[in-house]
């Protein structure tokens, strides 16, 4: 089951390619690999395959669609917000909804970006529960 979820996740992400892709790390809850694929100047898809440290630890996979607002603070620090899904693959897997909110910065002279975000999470299966994820991250764009 876990392998099937990972394969579907990778195939889904590969179909989103638009030419501006960032690959890097996410540190916090969860910690692992991060991917961002831009579709336009203000819309991007974000995903991670990471290790969740909560409780007994588990593989955490998420994918979000994000909208970026460049006028709230400045053009250099866009605020992003969106919605997505997550799966926490443990003995009793959890599936839920994510509502990421954060801020990023992309260096002008280098293909590097950073971000910070706080994410309310509503798990729907196997039972309903509410929590938060939060992280900082770094990506290399190619």
Protein backbone atom coordinates (compact mmCIF):
# COMPACT_ATOMS: atom_id res chain seq x y z
CA UNK A 1 0.00 0.00 0.00
CA UNK A 2 2.77 2.46 0.93
CA UNK A 3 4.64 1.80 -2.33
CA UNK A 4 1.46 2.37 -4.34
CA UNK A 5 0.85 5.74 -2.66
CA UNK A 6 4.44 6.84 -3.36
CA UNK A 7 4.24 5.74 -7.02
CA UNK A 8 0.94 7.60 -7.56
CA UNK A 9 2.43 10.67 -5.86
CA UNK A 10 5.50 10.70 -8.15
CA UNK A 11 3.45 10.16 -11.31
CA UNK A 12 1.07 12.98 -10.31
CA UNK A 13 3.93 15.38 -9.73
CA UNK A 14 5.67 14.56 -12.99
CA UNK A 15 2.51 15.50 -14.92
CA UNK A 16 2.57 19.01 -13.42
CA UNK A 17 5.92 20.08 -14.90
CA UNK A 18 5.84 23.65 -16.21
CA UNK A 19 9.54 24.48 -16.45
CA UNK A 20 10.21 26.21 -13.12
CA UNK A 21 10.92 23.53 -10.53
CA UNK A 22 12.46 23.80 -7.09
CA UNK A 23 13.81 20.80 -5.21
CA UNK A 24 15.12 20.98 -1.66
CA UNK A 25 14.55 20.21 1.99
CA UNK A 26 11.89 20.97 4.53
CA UNK A 27 12.86 21.14 8.22
CA UNK A 28 10.36 20.92 11.06
CA UNK A 29 7.23 18.85 11.22
CA UNK A 30 7.70 17.02 8.87
CA UNK A 31 11.39 16.89 7.82
CA UNK A 32 12.40 15.61 4.40
CA UNK A 33 12.39 16.42 0.68
CA UNK A 34 10.40 19.30 -0.78
CA UNK A 35 9.30 20.01 -4.36
CA UNK A 36 7.67 23.11 -5.85
CA UNK A 37 6.42 23.39 -9.43
CA UNK A 38 5.32 26.82 -10.64
CA UNK A 39 2.37 26.98 -13.04
CA UNK A 40 2.23 30.77 -13.32
CA UNK A 41 3.63 33.82 -11.53
CA UNK A 42 1.17 33.38 -8.67
CA UNK A 43 0.18 29.67 -8.67
CA UNK A 44 2.39 26.72 -7.75
CA UNK A 45 2.11 23.10 -6.68
CA UNK A 46 4.02 22.10 -3.58
CA UNK A 47 4.75 18.59 -2.31
CA UNK A 48 6.92 16.77 0.20
CA UNK A 49 7.95 13.27 1.12
CA UNK A 50 9.20 13.49 4.65
CA UNK A 51 9.45 11.93 8.09
CA UNK A 52 6.93 13.09 10.68
CA UNK A 53 8.43 13.14 14.17
CA UNK A 54 5.12 13.22 16.09
CA UNK A 55 3.95 10.28 18.18
CA UNK A 56 5.93 7.23 16.99
CA UNK A 57 7.14 8.76 13.71
CA UNK A 58 5.82 8.03 10.26
CA UNK A 59 6.28 8.68 6.55
CA UNK A 60 4.44 11.91 5.68
CA UNK A 61 3.45 12.74 2.09
CA UNK A 62 1.61 15.90 1.12
CA UNK A 63 0.67 17.89 -1.99
CA UNK A 64 -0.79 21.41 -2.08
CA UNK A 65 -1.88 24.04 -4.56
CA UNK A 66 -0.64 27.46 -3.48
CA UNK A 67 -1.57 31.00 -4.43
CA UNK A 68 1.09 33.72 -3.93
CA UNK A 69 0.19 37.30 -3.04
CA UNK A 70 3.03 39.74 -3.78
CA UNK A 71 1.29 42.88 -2.49
CA UNK A 72 0.72 42.04 1.20
CA UNK A 73 4.30 42.70 2.40
CA UNK A 74 6.51 43.31 -0.63
CA UNK A 75 7.28 41.82 -4.03
CA UNK A 76 10.34 40.13 -2.52
CA UNK A 77 8.42 38.32 0.23
CA UNK A 78 5.19 36.86 -1.19
CA UNK A 79 2.64 35.42 1.21
CA UNK A 80 1.35 32.04 0.09
CA UNK A 81 -1.78 30.18 1.06
CA UNK A 82 -3.63 27.21 -0.31
CA UNK A 83 -5.14 23.82 0.26
CA UNK A 84 -3.86 20.30 -0.09
CA UNK A 85 -3.94 16.73 1.08
CA UNK A 86 -1.68 14.67 3.26
CA UNK A 87 -1.15 11.05 4.14
CA UNK A 88 0.69 9.96 7.24
CA UNK A 89 1.68 6.35 6.68
CA UNK A 90 1.99 4.57 10.02
CA UNK A 91 0.43 1.49 11.61
CA UNK A 92 -2.94 3.25 11.51
CA UNK A 93 -2.57 5.58 8.46
CA UNK A 94 -4.05 9.07 8.62
CA UNK A 95 -5.42 10.98 5.64
CA UNK A 96 -6.37 14.62 5.90
CA UNK A 97 -6.57 18.14 4.56
CA UNK A 98 -3.83 20.79 4.82
CA UNK A 99 -4.26 24.57 4.72
CA UNK A 100 -0.73 25.96 4.31
CA UNK A 101 0.01 29.63 5.04
CA UNK A 102 3.51 31.01 4.76
CA UNK A 103 6.04 33.38 3.28
CA UNK A 104 8.91 32.83 0.88
CA UNK A 105 11.92 34.56 -0.62
CA UNK A 106 13.61 33.81 -3.91
CA UNK A 107 17.10 35.22 -4.45
CA UNK A 108 17.46 37.34 -7.59
CA UNK A 109 21.05 36.41 -8.45
CA UNK A 110 20.92 32.72 -7.47
CA UNK A 111 18.47 29.88 -8.24
CA UNK A 112 17.70 29.45 -4.52
CA UNK A 113 14.51 30.04 -2.56
CA UNK A 114 13.55 29.80 1.10
CA UNK A 115 10.21 29.56 2.84
CA UNK A 116 8.52 29.31 6.20
CA UNK A 117 4.99 28.06 6.78
CA UNK A 118 2.43 27.11 9.38
CA UNK A 119 -0.12 24.50 8.33
CA UNK A 120 -3.37 23.65 10.10
CA UNK A 121 -4.14 19.97 9.43
CA UNK A 122 -7.54 18.30 9.67
CA UNK A 123 -7.22 14.53 9.61
CA UNK A 124 -10.39 12.86 8.32
CA UNK A 125 -9.46 9.18 8.42
CA UNK A 126 -9.40 6.93 10.39
CA UNK A 127 -10.85 9.49 12.80
CA UNK A 128 -11.26 13.25 12.80
CA UNK A 129 -8.52 15.19 14.57
CA UNK A 130 -6.95 18.64 14.29
CA UNK A 131 -3.30 19.66 14.54
CA UNK A 132 -0.56 21.80 13.07
CA UNK A 133 2.55 21.30 10.95
CA UNK A 134 5.21 23.95 10.68
CA UNK A 135 8.52 24.16 8.87
CA UNK A 136 11.20 26.15 7.13
CA UNK A 137 12.71 25.05 3.86
CA UNK A 138 15.24 25.68 1.11
CA UNK A 139 14.97 24.83 -2.59
CA UNK A 140 17.27 24.92 -5.59
CA UNK A 141 15.46 25.94 -8.80
CA UNK A 142 16.28 24.52 -12.21
